[in-house]
Amino acid sequence: MGERKVLNKYIPPDFDPSKIPRGTRKGGKRNEMKVRMMLPMSICCNTCGNYISKGTKFNSRKEDALGEDYLGIQIFRFFFRCNRCSAEITMKTDPKNSDYTVESGASRNYEPWRDKATQEEEAEREREEEEEGDAMKALENRTKESKREMDIMAALDEMRSLNARNAKVSLNDALGAIHGKIDAERRRAEEAEEAQAKAVFAEAQKAAAGFVRRLESDSDSDGAGAKRPRLGEGDVLGGGSNLPKVAKPAFLAAAPKPKPKPKLVVRPKAVPKPAEKTKPAESEDGEDSGGGGLGLLGDYGSSGDDSR
């Protein structure tokens, strides 16, 4: 392998380095070189519509953009290919805005923060133009800025004092305050429900007061046969005569009274009275004439025949 290493290079006698164009002496045409970089923005390929996200790594060719610079800063151009359709995409550096711009082959995705920054820059530029020839306008702008700064400082002081107060509160105190608040809310809810239930119950009693009647029945008569006094149409159980009388509905007044049903009288069956047993005659010696137990059996049979 030593024969491949060349220490001396041949330079022809007619070689003139001054004839080589500037910028192409190293790396070939336009000072090109291969670099590996990451995509600084999200783009969409115009050929296949593929979205390439920010931070995608790729190999690219870097070259100098001839005749393009910003305040003496050289602008570079990068060539790379889409990772789906292999279409060539070109982008350039933008030293004015410290950013990159897509030159061809793709379009940059919408970035809202860029619009916000652009609007802020435009507002700052317009303000500088207004203050350039108007001292009163500049004074008003400075007064507004000072007032805004004072409001910010007051808000910061309030936040610091609040944090200092909260630092003194322990965990148990905070939990106790939270539980106390929850218990108070639950008690208020229970009291409200109880008051609502009482109101509904009172309204139901008032509504039912005019429709309660006592129907006449056989049980209204006491044991002596006298009937108990009936309540009037306007009287209510437990109420007096001062309550307003309620008129009987029309359909009840027009309806015929039902005929009383005949009562069934159930008479008890006659139970035959048991015949009196006759004592057997005793003999002079004090013994029964019936002959002991056999005589009693004969008397029981005869008494049964008589009862029949």
Protein backbone atom coordinates (compact mmCIF):
# COMPACT_ATOMS: atom_id res chain seq x y z
CA MET A 1 0.00 0.00 0.00
CA GLY A 2 2.98 2.30 0.30
CA GLU A 3 3.24 2.73 -3.46
CA ARG A 4 -0.17 4.45 -3.54
CA LYS A 5 0.86 7.28 -1.26
CA VAL A 6 2.23 10.14 -3.31
CA LEU A 7 4.33 12.77 -1.61
CA ASN A 8 5.14 14.87 -4.65
CA LYS A 9 2.56 16.05 -7.21
CA TYR A 10 3.40 16.96 -10.77
CA ILE A 11 2.80 20.62 -11.71
CA PRO A 12 3.14 21.39 -15.38
CA PRO A 13 5.51 24.24 -16.33
CA ASP A 14 2.72 26.28 -18.00
CA PHE A 15 0.42 26.21 -14.93
CA ASP A 16 -0.82 29.68 -13.92
CA PRO A 17 -2.86 29.73 -10.69
CA SER A 18 -4.05 33.32 -11.34
CA LYS A 19 -6.24 32.07 -14.18
CA ILE A 20 -8.37 29.94 -11.84
CA PRO A 21 -11.67 31.76 -11.05
CA ARG A 22 -12.05 32.91 -7.51
CA GLY A 23 -14.36 30.71 -5.42
CA THR A 24 -13.68 27.55 -7.41
CA ARG A 25 -10.14 26.82 -6.27
CA LYS A 26 -11.24 24.46 -3.49
CA GLY A 27 -14.02 21.94 -3.78
CA GLY A 28 -14.77 22.42 -7.44
CA LYS A 29 -17.40 24.73 -8.99
CA ARG A 30 -18.69 27.59 -6.76
CA ASN A 31 -16.85 26.19 -3.76
CA GLU A 32 -19.31 23.31 -3.27
CA MET A 33 -19.05 20.93 -0.36
CA LYS A 34 -21.13 18.16 1.12
CA VAL A 35 -22.54 18.75 4.58
CA ARG A 36 -24.98 16.92 6.82
CA MET A 37 -27.48 19.16 8.57
CA MET A 38 -30.94 19.27 10.11
CA LEU A 39 -33.93 20.95 8.53
CA PRO A 40 -34.43 24.31 10.32
CA MET A 41 -38.17 24.54 9.52
CA SER A 42 -41.19 22.47 8.49
CA ILE A 43 -41.78 22.35 4.73
CA CYS A 44 -44.09 20.67 2.21
CA CYS A 45 -42.77 19.21 -1.02
CA ASN A 46 -44.38 20.77 -4.10
CA THR A 47 -43.92 17.59 -6.17
CA CYS A 48 -45.52 14.89 -3.98
CA GLY A 49 -47.06 16.96 -1.15
CA ASN A 50 -44.99 15.24 1.53
CA TYR A 51 -44.59 17.13 4.80
CA ILE A 52 -41.04 17.19 6.17
CA SER A 53 -40.88 18.19 9.82
CA LYS A 54 -38.37 20.43 11.48
CA GLY A 55 -35.21 18.64 12.68
CA THR A 56 -35.11 16.04 9.90
CA LYS A 57 -31.51 15.06 9.13
CA PHE A 58 -30.32 14.93 5.52
CA ASN A 59 -27.19 15.20 3.37
CA SER A 60 -26.93 18.38 1.32
CA ARG A 61 -24.63 20.26 -1.00
CA LYS A 62 -23.60 23.71 0.14
CA GLU A 63 -22.40 26.42 -2.26
CA ASP A 64 -21.88 30.15 -2.19
CA ALA A 65 -24.65 32.27 -3.68
CA LEU A 66 -22.61 34.41 -6.09
CA GLY A 67 -23.43 38.07 -6.02
CA GLU A 68 -25.67 37.80 -2.96
CA ASP A 69 -24.69 39.08 0.47
CA TYR A 70 -26.07 41.14 3.33
CA LEU A 71 -23.81 43.80 4.85
CA GLY A 72 -20.79 41.82 3.71
CA ILE A 73 -22.14 38.50 5.05
CA GLN A 74 -22.00 35.75 2.44
CA ILE A 75 -25.30 33.95 1.66
CA PHE A 76 -25.16 30.17 1.20
CA ARG A 77 -27.39 27.88 -0.81
CA PHE A 78 -28.23 24.28 0.13
CA PHE A 79 -29.42 21.48 -2.18
CA PHE A 80 -31.15 18.39 -0.78
CA ARG A 81 -33.80 15.88 -1.89
CA CYS A 82 -37.27 14.93 -0.64
CA ASN A 83 -37.24 11.71 1.37
CA ARG A 84 -40.27 10.37 -0.56
CA CYS A 85 -40.03 11.41 -4.22
CA SER A 86 -36.34 12.46 -4.30
CA ALA A 87 -37.23 15.81 -5.85
CA GLU A 88 -34.53 18.46 -5.40
CA ILE A 89 -35.28 21.23 -2.89
CA THR A 90 -33.24 24.42 -2.53
CA MET A 91 -33.01 26.82 0.40
CA LYS A 92 -30.82 29.79 1.29
CA THR A 93 -29.65 31.50 4.44
CA ASP A 94 -31.27 34.77 5.51
CA PRO A 95 -28.78 36.71 7.67
CA LYS A 96 -31.07 39.75 7.81
CA ASN A 97 -33.72 37.86 9.83
CA SER A 98 -31.36 35.20 11.25
CA ASP A 99 -33.35 32.52 9.46
CA TYR A 100 -33.60 30.39 6.31
CA THR A 101 -35.76 30.82 3.21
CA VAL A 102 -37.02 28.12 0.83
CA GLU A 103 -35.93 29.00 -2.68
CA SER A 104 -37.49 26.26 -4.85
CA GLY A 105 -39.01 22.76 -4.77
CA ALA A 106 -41.02 23.22 -1.54
CA SER A 107 -43.08 25.69 0.48
CA ARG A 108 -42.72 26.61 4.12
CA ASN A 109 -45.52 25.73 6.52
CA TYR A 110 -47.46 28.44 8.32
CA GLU A 111 -45.90 29.48 11.62
CA PRO A 112 -48.05 31.82 13.75
CA TRP A 113 -45.19 32.97 15.98
CA ARG A 114 -43.42 34.37 12.94
CA ASP A 115 -46.44 36.57 12.18
CA LYS A 116 -46.52 37.76 15.79
CA ALA A 117 -42.85 38.68 15.70
CA THR A 118 -43.34 40.47 12.37
CA GLN A 119 -46.27 42.47 13.77
CA GLU A 120 -44.25 43.46 16.83
CA GLU A 121 -41.38 44.61 14.64
CA GLU A 122 -43.72 46.63 12.44
CA ALA A 123 -45.36 48.26 15.49
CA GLU A 124 -41.94 49.16 16.90
CA ARG A 125 -40.87 50.64 13.59
CA GLU A 126 -44.06 52.71 13.29
CA ARG A 127 -43.61 53.97 16.84
CA GLU A 128 -40.06 55.07 16.11
CA GLU A 129 -41.25 56.88 13.00
CA GLU A 130 -43.96 58.69 14.99
CA GLU A 131 -41.58 59.74 17.76
CA GLU A 132 -38.93 60.90 15.34
CA GLY A 133 -40.48 64.34 14.78
CA ASP A 134 -42.98 64.62 17.65
CA ALA A 135 -41.61 65.16 21.18
CA MET A 136 -45.08 65.08 22.82
CA LYS A 137 -45.82 61.69 21.28
CA ALA A 138 -42.52 60.35 22.60
CA LEU A 139 -43.36 61.70 26.08
CA GLU A 140 -46.80 60.04 26.01
CA ASN A 141 -45.29 56.72 24.97
CA ARG A 142 -42.71 56.87 27.76
CA THR A 143 -45.46 57.71 30.30
CA LYS A 144 -47.51 54.69 29.19
CA GLU A 145 -44.47 52.44 29.45
CA SER A 146 -43.66 53.67 32.96
CA LYS A 147 -47.27 53.12 34.07
CA ARG A 148 -47.25 49.61 32.65
CA GLU A 149 -43.99 48.84 34.44
CA MET A 150 -45.44 50.13 37.73
CA ASP A 151 -48.50 47.88 37.33
CA ILE A 152 -46.24 44.91 36.67
CA MET A 153 -44.16 45.66 39.76
CA ALA A 154 -47.33 45.98 41.92
CA ALA A 155 -48.58 42.63 40.65
CA LEU A 156 -45.20 41.04 41.43
CA ASP A 157 -45.25 42.47 44.97
CA GLU A 158 -48.75 41.12 45.53
CA MET A 159 -47.70 37.69 44.33
CA ARG A 160 -44.68 37.72 46.65
CA SER A 161 -46.80 38.70 49.68
CA LEU A 162 -49.35 36.00 48.83
CA ASN A 163 -46.62 33.38 48.58
CA ALA A 164 -45.20 34.53 51.92
CA ARG A 165 -48.62 34.14 53.58
CA ASN A 166 -49.15 30.73 52.04
CA ALA A 167 -45.73 29.57 53.20
CA LYS A 168 -46.86 29.94 56.83
CA VAL A 169 -49.92 27.72 56.33
CA SER A 170 -49.35 24.05 57.10
CA LEU A 171 -50.85 21.15 55.24
CA ASN A 172 -53.20 20.22 58.10
CA ASP A 173 -54.57 23.78 58.29
CA ALA A 174 -55.23 23.82 54.56
CA LEU A 175 -57.00 20.44 54.68
CA GLY A 176 -59.05 21.54 57.68
CA ALA A 177 -60.17 24.70 55.89
CA ILE A 178 -61.15 22.74 52.80
CA HIS A 179 -63.10 20.14 54.82
CA GLY A 180 -64.82 22.89 56.83
CA LYS A 181 -65.94 24.59 53.66
CA ILE A 182 -67.27 21.31 52.25
CA ASP A 183 -69.16 20.56 55.49
CA ALA A 184 -70.71 24.04 55.55
CA GLU A 185 -71.90 23.66 51.96
CA ARG A 186 -73.38 20.23 52.74
CA ARG A 187 -75.19 21.60 55.81
CA ARG A 188 -76.65 24.47 53.79
CA ALA A 189 -77.83 22.03 51.13
CA GLU A 190 -79.49 19.78 53.74
CA GLU A 191 -81.23 22.75 55.39
CA ALA A 192 -82.49 23.96 52.02
CA GLU A 193 -83.83 20.48 51.18
CA GLU A 194 -85.55 20.20 54.57
CA ALA A 195 -87.17 23.64 54.20
CA GLN A 196 -88.36 22.73 50.71
CA ALA A 197 -89.81 19.43 51.94
CA LYS A 198 -91.68 21.23 54.74
CA ALA A 199 -93.09 23.76 52.31
CA VAL A 200 -94.26 21.03 49.93
CA PHE A 201 -95.85 19.08 52.79
CA ALA A 202 -97.67 22.20 54.04
CA GLU A 203 -98.98 22.96 50.54
CA ALA A 204 -100.19 19.36 50.19
CA GLN A 205 -102.05 19.60 53.51
CA LYS A 206 -103.69 22.87 52.44
CA ALA A 207 -104.69 21.40 49.10
CA ALA A 208 -106.15 18.26 50.67
CA ALA A 209 -108.03 20.17 53.41
CA GLY A 210 -111.03 20.97 51.17
CA PHE A 211 -111.47 17.45 49.81
CA VAL A 212 -111.46 15.30 52.98
CA ARG A 213 -114.94 13.84 53.77
CA ARG A 214 -116.15 11.36 56.32
CA LEU A 215 -118.43 8.74 54.79
CA GLU A 216 -121.41 7.47 56.73
CA SER A 217 -121.23 3.84 57.74
CA ASP A 218 -122.94 1.43 60.09
CA SER A 219 -120.09 1.80 62.55
CA ASP A 220 -121.10 5.41 63.21
CA SER A 221 -123.91 4.22 65.49
CA ASP A 222 -122.95 3.52 69.06
CA GLY A 223 -124.04 0.56 71.10
CA ALA A 224 -127.33 2.22 72.26
CA GLY A 225 -128.50 2.58 68.63
CA ALA A 226 -128.06 6.37 68.41
CA LYS A 227 -126.05 7.58 65.41
CA ARG A 228 -123.08 9.84 65.79
CA PRO A 229 -123.44 13.39 64.46
CA ARG A 230 -122.37 13.71 60.82
CA LEU A 231 -119.91 16.29 59.62
CA GLY A 232 -121.17 18.96 57.27
CA GLU A 233 -120.07 19.46 53.70
CA GLY A 234 -117.64 22.18 54.64
CA ASP A 235 -116.44 20.63 57.87
CA VAL A 236 -113.05 18.95 57.91
CA LEU A 237 -111.80 16.33 60.27
CA GLY A 238 -110.23 18.12 63.14
CA GLY A 239 -111.48 21.53 61.89
CA GLY A 240 -114.25 23.92 62.95
CA SER A 241 -117.11 25.71 61.33
CA ASN A 242 -114.92 28.72 60.50
CA LEU A 243 -113.35 26.93 57.51
CA PRO A 244 -114.73 27.83 54.06
CA LYS A 245 -117.33 25.44 52.69
CA VAL A 246 -116.50 23.64 49.49
CA ALA A 247 -119.29 23.16 46.96
CA LYS A 248 -120.07 19.64 45.86
CA PRO A 249 -118.93 18.91 42.28
CA ALA A 250 -121.63 18.86 39.60
CA PHE A 251 -121.04 15.25 38.59
CA LEU A 252 -121.49 14.11 42.20
CA ALA A 253 -124.72 16.10 42.63
CA ALA A 254 -126.22 14.70 39.40
CA ALA A 255 -125.21 11.10 40.06
CA PRO A 256 -128.03 8.92 41.54
CA LYS A 257 -127.53 7.60 45.01
CA PRO A 258 -126.77 3.89 45.13
CA LYS A 259 -129.45 1.70 46.62
CA PRO A 260 -128.52 0.05 49.90
CA LYS A 261 -127.86 -3.63 49.61
CA PRO A 262 -130.12 -5.98 51.60
CA LYS A 263 -128.46 -7.24 54.69
CA LEU A 264 -128.24 -10.98 55.24
CA VAL A 265 -129.43 -12.01 58.69
CA VAL A 266 -127.80 -15.16 59.94
CA ARG A 267 -129.73 -16.84 62.75
CA PRO A 268 -127.84 -19.11 65.08
CA LYS A 269 -128.74 -22.78 65.03
CA ALA A 270 -130.71 -24.21 67.98
CA VAL A 271 -128.48 -26.27 70.15
CA PRO A 272 -130.37 -29.13 71.96
CA LYS A 273 -130.05 -29.06 75.71
CA PRO A 274 -128.46 -32.17 77.22
CA ALA A 275 -130.84 -34.41 79.18
CA GLU A 276 -130.43 -34.56 82.91
CA LYS A 277 -129.05 -37.80 84.20
CA THR A 278 -131.16 -39.66 86.73
CA LYS A 279 -129.48 -41.16 89.66
CA PRO A 280 -130.09 -44.90 90.10
CA ALA A 281 -132.01 -45.99 93.16
CA GLU A 282 -129.92 -47.20 95.97
CA SER A 283 -130.76 -50.37 97.81
CA GLU A 284 -131.08 -50.70 101.47
CA ASP A 285 -127.57 -52.01 101.68
CA GLY A 286 -126.19 -48.81 99.94
CA GLU A 287 -125.31 -50.52 96.65
CA ASP A 288 -126.47 -49.44 93.18
CA SER A 289 -129.31 -51.45 91.65
CA GLY A 290 -127.76 -51.13 88.22
CA GLY A 291 -125.19 -53.70 88.92
CA GLY A 292 -122.15 -51.38 89.00
CA GLY A 293 -120.58 -50.11 85.73
CA LEU A 294 -122.94 -52.07 83.46
CA GLY A 295 -125.91 -50.30 84.95
CA LEU A 296 -124.36 -46.89 84.17
CA LEU A 297 -123.77 -47.87 80.58
CA GLY A 298 -127.38 -48.88 80.25
CA ASP A 299 -128.57 -45.54 81.65
CA TYR A 300 -126.28 -43.58 79.25
CA GLY A 301 -127.74 -45.48 76.27
CA SER A 302 -131.29 -44.86 77.37
CA SER A 303 -130.67 -41.16 77.90
CA GLY A 304 -129.24 -40.92 74.39
CA ASP A 305 -132.35 -42.52 72.94
CA ASP A 306 -134.59 -40.06 74.75
CA SER A 307 -132.65 -37.04 73.50
CA ARG A 308 -133.11 -38.20 69.96
